[in-house]
């Protein structure tokens, strides 16, 4: 089979090579998927940059979500069968014509759902649902800040927060993306390249702040976010895009900008910091992944979740797809098709 292989860390355009590799073997509780499309997540960029410690050694096949058809099922798999059209999370290995994953990370998709859109509903929408419904439990009337709202997870978070009747602040870096946020239902769209989101939100809430922040940026945005949280507020971190495209000194500075927090500093004002790594959840709580996948598909069928596809690339242009994502040109999900 063919696979898009990461051959070296660094810039996107010369980091990948299409190679012939062995088809993966199905084990107990696993399935083999004939991949029609795979999605990109910012964790792919971090892995390509050599900044994701869980990534396999080079040469490596990246990829966290795929859509396609079940080719083979392993012992003990009962909720899916050969020939089912599915979407799935993969623990790497998704950038290939065939991929193996645990059956708990697979959901059957309706006939009318195309493969590209299905990839958007997997890692990014499951991350958003897990963050907003399980780790935070949003309520009607909550004030919410969603950083990088035009991305895949950001889009999903906005749609869920809108469904829950929250008051939504969200950031993006261009006027086109601000228009996109407003179309999604964001009441307060903030251009982080022109305005200080901390000041805008303080002014907009009469210094009261927000109840929940979803942060995929890291660095100083976390420190600002902590100052914005109202009593009882929760800050959910699920990424650190501020660490990319920097030399070692810049990475150290960005890491220090997160700030340092003693439990007493959280307890006295009644604030919380929550970290999310969906790979760890998939490894240690597979039942959570299956539950989230099923709920995501239900919310899609109900019209709550409406994935946005930023752009579809051919597998031969995976490097260009990475560059497109890393340089923040996208609104919604970036997909690669075979």
Protein backbone atom coordinates (compact mmCIF):
# COMPACT_ATOMS: atom_id res chain seq x y z
CA UNK A 1 0.00 0.00 0.00
CA UNK A 2 0.99 3.65 -0.33
CA UNK A 3 1.56 5.92 2.65
CA UNK A 4 2.58 9.53 3.14
CA UNK A 5 5.71 9.18 5.26
CA UNK A 6 7.29 11.91 7.38
CA UNK A 7 10.97 11.59 6.51
CA UNK A 8 12.37 14.56 8.43
CA UNK A 9 11.32 17.18 10.93
CA UNK A 10 11.06 20.81 9.95
CA UNK A 11 9.41 22.78 7.16
CA UNK A 12 6.35 21.20 5.59
CA UNK A 13 7.10 21.30 1.88
CA UNK A 14 10.03 18.86 1.96
CA UNK A 15 9.11 16.80 5.01
CA UNK A 16 6.99 14.09 3.35
CA UNK A 17 7.44 11.35 0.80
CA UNK A 18 4.95 8.83 -0.63
CA UNK A 19 6.31 5.31 -0.15
CA UNK A 20 5.21 1.71 -0.53
CA UNK A 21 4.85 0.16 2.93
CA UNK A 22 3.37 -3.02 4.37
CA UNK A 23 -0.34 -3.12 5.05
CA UNK A 24 -0.97 -3.12 8.84
CA UNK A 25 -2.16 -6.32 10.52
CA UNK A 26 -5.40 -6.41 12.49
CA UNK A 27 -5.24 -7.49 16.11
CA UNK A 28 -7.86 -8.40 18.69
CA UNK A 29 -10.44 -5.64 19.12
CA UNK A 30 -9.14 -3.78 16.07
CA UNK A 31 -10.31 -3.03 12.53
CA UNK A 32 -8.55 -2.48 9.21
CA UNK A 33 -9.83 0.56 7.31
CA UNK A 34 -9.52 1.25 3.61
CA UNK A 35 -8.89 4.98 3.85
CA UNK A 36 -10.67 7.37 1.50
CA UNK A 37 -9.60 10.56 3.30
CA UNK A 38 -7.56 11.62 6.29
CA UNK A 39 -7.72 14.85 8.22
CA UNK A 40 -5.11 17.26 9.51
CA UNK A 41 -4.97 18.48 13.09
CA UNK A 42 -2.55 20.95 14.64
CA UNK A 43 -0.98 18.06 16.52
CA UNK A 44 0.23 16.83 13.10
CA UNK A 45 2.13 20.11 12.71
CA UNK A 46 3.65 19.71 16.18
CA UNK A 47 4.69 16.14 15.34
CA UNK A 48 6.24 17.23 12.04
CA UNK A 49 8.16 19.93 13.89
CA UNK A 50 9.51 17.30 16.32
CA UNK A 51 7.58 18.84 19.21
CA UNK A 52 5.16 15.99 19.94
CA UNK A 53 6.91 13.52 22.20
CA UNK A 54 4.39 10.72 21.59
CA UNK A 55 5.00 10.74 17.83
CA UNK A 56 6.71 7.62 16.44
CA UNK A 57 10.38 7.82 15.39
CA UNK A 58 11.25 8.78 11.81
CA UNK A 59 10.39 7.66 9.22
CA UNK A 60 6.84 7.95 10.56
CA UNK A 61 3.26 7.79 9.35
CA UNK A 62 1.25 10.49 11.10
CA UNK A 63 -2.52 10.89 11.20
CA UNK A 64 -5.19 10.98 13.88
CA UNK A 65 -8.44 10.71 11.92
CA UNK A 66 -9.59 8.92 8.80
CA UNK A 67 -12.79 8.08 6.94
CA UNK A 68 -13.33 5.10 4.70
CA UNK A 69 -14.62 1.52 4.65
CA UNK A 70 -14.08 -1.40 7.02
CA UNK A 71 -11.88 -3.92 5.21
CA UNK A 72 -11.36 -6.42 8.02
CA UNK A 73 -12.40 -6.84 11.65
CA UNK A 74 -10.46 -8.43 14.47
CA UNK A 75 -11.58 -10.85 17.15
CA UNK A 76 -14.21 -9.49 19.52
CA UNK A 77 -15.47 -6.64 17.32
CA UNK A 78 -19.27 -6.68 17.23
CA UNK A 79 -20.64 -3.15 16.66
CA UNK A 80 -19.25 -2.77 13.14
CA UNK A 81 -18.83 -5.11 10.19
CA UNK A 82 -16.89 -5.47 6.97
CA UNK A 83 -18.11 -3.01 4.35
CA UNK A 84 -19.41 -0.38 6.80
CA UNK A 85 -18.62 3.23 5.93
CA UNK A 86 -16.98 4.73 8.99
CA UNK A 87 -15.02 7.54 10.52
CA UNK A 88 -12.30 6.75 13.03
CA UNK A 89 -9.57 8.07 15.28
CA UNK A 90 -6.13 6.58 14.72
CA UNK A 91 -3.13 6.62 17.00
CA UNK A 92 -0.91 7.69 14.13
CA UNK A 93 -0.88 5.69 10.89
CA UNK A 94 -3.73 7.62 9.27
CA UNK A 95 -1.71 9.03 6.35
CA UNK A 96 -2.00 5.75 4.43
CA UNK A 97 -4.29 3.84 2.09
CA UNK A 98 -5.02 1.39 4.91
CA UNK A 99 -5.00 2.02 8.65
CA UNK A 100 -5.59 -0.04 11.77
CA UNK A 101 -7.27 1.28 14.90
CA UNK A 102 -9.16 0.07 17.93
CA UNK A 103 -12.83 -0.62 17.24
CA UNK A 104 -13.75 1.64 20.17
CA UNK A 105 -12.48 4.60 18.11
CA UNK A 106 -14.78 3.89 15.15
CA UNK A 107 -18.29 5.11 14.31
CA UNK A 108 -20.53 4.17 11.39
CA UNK A 109 -21.50 7.17 9.26
CA UNK A 110 -24.74 7.75 7.31
CA UNK A 111 -24.73 7.13 3.56
CA UNK A 112 -25.15 10.81 2.72
CA UNK A 113 -22.05 11.87 4.70
CA UNK A 114 -19.00 12.23 2.46
CA UNK A 115 -15.58 11.07 3.62
CA UNK A 116 -14.06 14.55 3.84
CA UNK A 117 -16.79 15.86 6.13
CA UNK A 118 -16.66 12.68 8.20
CA UNK A 119 -13.00 13.29 9.05
CA UNK A 120 -13.95 16.68 10.46
CA UNK A 121 -16.39 15.03 12.83
CA UNK A 122 -13.80 12.78 14.39
CA UNK A 123 -10.81 14.11 16.35
CA UNK A 124 -11.78 17.77 16.30
CA UNK A 125 -15.47 17.41 17.11
CA UNK A 126 -14.79 14.72 19.70
CA UNK A 127 -12.22 17.00 21.32
CA UNK A 128 -14.74 19.85 21.38
CA UNK A 129 -17.53 17.69 22.79
CA UNK A 130 -15.29 16.13 25.43
CA UNK A 131 -14.04 19.58 26.47
CA UNK A 132 -17.39 21.37 26.47
CA UNK A 133 -19.78 18.65 27.61
CA UNK A 134 -17.73 16.33 29.81
CA UNK A 135 -14.88 18.40 31.25
CA UNK A 136 -16.76 21.69 31.57
CA UNK A 137 -20.49 20.97 31.17
CA UNK A 138 -21.55 24.24 29.56
CA UNK A 139 -24.85 25.78 30.66
CA UNK A 140 -27.19 28.29 29.10
CA UNK A 141 -26.02 31.83 29.80
CA UNK A 142 -22.36 30.94 30.32
CA UNK A 143 -19.91 33.49 28.96
CA UNK A 144 -17.39 31.62 26.82
CA UNK A 145 -14.14 32.61 25.12
CA UNK A 146 -13.04 30.34 22.26
CA UNK A 147 -9.52 31.06 21.06
CA UNK A 148 -8.75 30.36 17.38
CA UNK A 149 -12.43 29.98 16.66
CA UNK A 150 -12.02 29.58 12.89
CA UNK A 151 -10.16 26.27 13.22
CA UNK A 152 -11.72 22.83 13.29
CA UNK A 153 -12.05 22.46 17.07
CA UNK A 154 -12.96 26.13 17.39
CA UNK A 155 -15.79 25.72 14.87
CA UNK A 156 -17.12 22.72 16.77
CA UNK A 157 -16.91 24.53 20.12
CA UNK A 158 -18.80 27.54 18.74
CA UNK A 159 -21.55 25.32 17.35
CA UNK A 160 -21.92 23.48 20.66
CA UNK A 161 -21.83 26.70 22.72
CA UNK A 162 -24.46 28.21 20.42
CA UNK A 163 -26.60 25.10 20.91
CA UNK A 164 -26.24 25.57 24.69
CA UNK A 165 -27.26 29.25 24.37
CA UNK A 166 -23.98 30.67 25.65
CA UNK A 167 -22.66 34.18 25.16
CA UNK A 168 -19.65 33.69 22.90
CA UNK A 169 -16.41 35.63 22.48
CA UNK A 170 -13.97 34.25 19.91
CA UNK A 171 -10.65 35.26 18.37
CA UNK A 172 -9.24 35.05 14.84
CA UNK A 173 -6.47 36.77 12.89
CA UNK A 174 -8.15 38.20 9.78
CA UNK A 175 -11.30 39.99 8.70
CA UNK A 176 -12.39 36.99 6.61
CA UNK A 177 -12.14 34.76 9.65
CA UNK A 178 -14.04 37.29 11.78
CA UNK A 179 -16.86 37.18 9.23
CA UNK A 180 -16.79 33.39 9.45
CA UNK A 181 -17.08 33.54 13.25
CA UNK A 182 -20.09 35.85 13.02
CA UNK A 183 -21.75 33.51 10.53
CA UNK A 184 -21.33 30.71 13.07
CA UNK A 185 -23.15 32.79 15.69
CA UNK A 186 -20.33 34.45 17.65
CA UNK A 187 -21.60 37.63 19.30
CA UNK A 188 -18.13 39.12 19.91
CA UNK A 189 -15.52 38.36 17.22
CA UNK A 190 -12.06 39.73 18.09
CA UNK A 191 -9.12 40.21 15.74
CA UNK A 192 -6.11 39.27 17.87
CA UNK A 193 -3.76 40.99 15.40
CA UNK A 194 -5.46 44.35 16.02
CA UNK A 195 -7.03 44.20 19.47
CA UNK A 196 -6.10 42.93 22.92
CA UNK A 197 -8.71 40.27 23.61
CA UNK A 198 -8.27 40.71 27.36
CA UNK A 199 -9.20 44.39 27.21
CA UNK A 200 -12.08 43.82 24.76
CA UNK A 201 -13.62 41.15 26.98
CA UNK A 202 -13.14 43.09 30.21
CA UNK A 203 -14.82 46.10 28.63
CA UNK A 204 -17.57 43.97 27.11
CA UNK A 205 -18.40 42.23 30.39
CA UNK A 206 -18.07 45.28 32.66
CA UNK A 207 -14.92 43.73 34.18
CA UNK A 208 -16.81 40.54 35.16
CA UNK A 209 -14.88 38.25 32.82
CA UNK A 210 -15.95 34.89 31.41
CA UNK A 211 -17.00 31.53 32.81
CA UNK A 212 -15.10 29.26 30.43
CA UNK A 213 -12.10 29.65 28.11
CA UNK A 214 -11.07 27.11 25.46
CA UNK A 215 -7.43 27.72 24.54
CA UNK A 216 -5.46 26.06 21.73
CA UNK A 217 -2.77 28.76 21.64
CA UNK A 218 -0.89 28.51 24.93
CA UNK A 219 1.83 30.92 26.03
CA UNK A 220 0.75 34.34 27.18
CA UNK A 221 -2.88 33.75 26.12
CA UNK A 222 -3.18 31.34 29.05
CA UNK A 223 -1.90 33.93 31.51
CA UNK A 224 -4.30 36.52 30.13
CA UNK A 225 -7.08 33.96 30.22
CA UNK A 226 -6.53 33.29 33.91
CA UNK A 227 -7.00 36.99 34.59
CA UNK A 228 -10.24 36.95 32.58
CA UNK A 229 -11.86 34.06 34.43
CA UNK A 230 -14.74 34.93 36.73
CA UNK A 231 -15.03 33.10 40.07
CA UNK A 232 -15.85 29.48 39.29
CA UNK A 233 -14.25 29.90 35.86
CA UNK A 234 -12.50 27.10 33.98
CA UNK A 235 -9.69 27.36 31.44
CA UNK A 236 -9.40 24.37 29.10
CA UNK A 237 -6.07 23.93 27.29
CA UNK A 238 -5.97 21.54 24.34
CA UNK A 239 -3.07 22.89 22.26
CA UNK A 240 -0.02 25.13 22.15
CA UNK A 241 0.21 26.61 18.66
CA UNK A 242 2.25 29.53 20.04
CA UNK A 243 5.25 27.17 20.30
CA UNK A 244 5.53 26.49 16.55
CA UNK A 245 7.79 28.32 14.08
CA UNK A 246 10.15 29.45 16.85
CA UNK A 247 13.78 28.76 17.70
CA UNK A 248 14.69 27.19 21.02
CA UNK A 249 14.88 30.58 22.75
CA UNK A 250 11.42 31.54 21.46
CA UNK A 251 10.00 28.22 22.64
CA UNK A 252 11.42 28.75 26.12
CA UNK A 253 9.94 32.25 26.25
CA UNK A 254 6.52 30.98 25.10
CA UNK A 255 6.62 28.16 27.63
CA UNK A 256 7.41 30.60 30.44
CA UNK A 257 4.55 32.84 29.33
CA UNK A 258 2.06 30.14 30.34
CA UNK A 259 2.73 31.20 33.93
CA UNK A 260 3.15 29.16 37.10
CA UNK A 261 0.17 28.24 39.27
CA UNK A 262 0.09 26.94 42.83
CA UNK A 263 -3.08 25.12 43.94
CA UNK A 264 -3.79 27.92 46.41
CA UNK A 265 -3.78 30.40 43.51
CA UNK A 266 -6.62 28.39 41.96
CA UNK A 267 -8.49 27.54 45.14
CA UNK A 268 -8.85 31.03 46.58
CA UNK A 269 -10.54 32.62 43.50
CA UNK A 270 -12.20 29.25 42.65
CA UNK A 271 -10.65 28.87 39.20
CA UNK A 272 -9.60 25.73 37.34
CA UNK A 273 -7.12 24.77 34.61
CA UNK A 274 -7.95 21.64 32.61
CA UNK A 275 -5.61 19.98 30.12
CA UNK A 276 -6.83 17.69 27.33
CA UNK A 277 -4.87 15.17 25.27
CA UNK A 278 -7.25 12.95 23.30
CA UNK A 279 -4.52 10.39 22.57
CA UNK A 280 -4.20 9.74 26.31
CA UNK A 281 -7.98 9.48 26.65
CA UNK A 282 -8.10 7.01 23.74
CA UNK A 283 -5.31 4.92 25.31
CA UNK A 284 -6.70 4.77 28.82
CA UNK A 285 -10.44 5.43 28.50
CA UNK A 286 -11.56 3.97 25.15
CA UNK A 287 -15.18 3.93 26.34
CA UNK A 288 -15.04 7.75 26.50
CA UNK A 289 -13.95 7.94 22.86
CA UNK A 290 -16.75 5.63 21.77
CA UNK A 291 -19.30 7.64 23.76
CA UNK A 292 -18.08 10.93 22.32
CA UNK A 293 -18.07 9.59 18.76
CA UNK A 294 -21.64 8.38 19.09
CA UNK A 295 -22.79 11.68 20.60
CA UNK A 296 -21.01 13.64 17.86
CA UNK A 297 -22.84 11.64 15.19
CA UNK A 298 -26.15 12.23 17.00
CA UNK A 299 -25.51 15.97 17.16
CA UNK A 300 -24.56 15.96 13.49
CA UNK A 301 -27.82 14.19 12.61
CA UNK A 302 -29.71 16.75 14.73
CA UNK A 303 -28.10 19.62 12.82
CA UNK A 304 -26.15 20.97 15.80
CA UNK A 305 -22.75 20.06 14.37
CA UNK A 306 -22.10 21.34 10.84
CA UNK A 307 -18.49 20.68 9.84
CA UNK A 308 -16.79 23.22 7.61
CA UNK A 309 -14.20 21.99 5.12
CA UNK A 310 -11.46 24.55 4.55
CA UNK A 311 -9.75 22.80 1.65
CA UNK A 312 -9.20 19.31 0.23
CA UNK A 313 -5.72 18.33 -0.95
CA UNK A 314 -4.54 15.22 -2.82
CA UNK A 315 -2.21 12.89 -0.95
CA UNK A 316 0.66 14.04 -3.17
CA UNK A 317 0.24 17.56 -1.71
CA UNK A 318 0.30 16.63 1.99
CA UNK A 319 3.20 19.03 2.55
CA UNK A 320 1.18 21.87 1.05
CA UNK A 321 -1.74 20.91 3.29
CA UNK A 322 0.52 21.12 6.35
CA UNK A 323 1.83 24.50 5.25
CA UNK A 324 -1.74 25.75 4.73
CA UNK A 325 -2.68 24.70 8.28
CA UNK A 326 0.50 25.91 9.97
CA UNK A 327 0.25 29.36 8.41
CA UNK A 328 -3.33 29.73 9.64
CA UNK A 329 -4.87 30.09 6.19
CA UNK A 330 -7.78 27.79 6.95
CA UNK A 331 -11.29 28.12 8.32
CA UNK A 332 -12.56 24.70 9.32
CA UNK A 333 -11.05 21.30 8.56
CA UNK A 334 -8.22 20.52 6.14
CA UNK A 335 -8.62 17.13 4.48
CA UNK A 336 -6.35 14.97 2.31
CA UNK A 337 -7.82 12.42 -0.11
CA UNK A 338 -6.32 9.43 -1.91
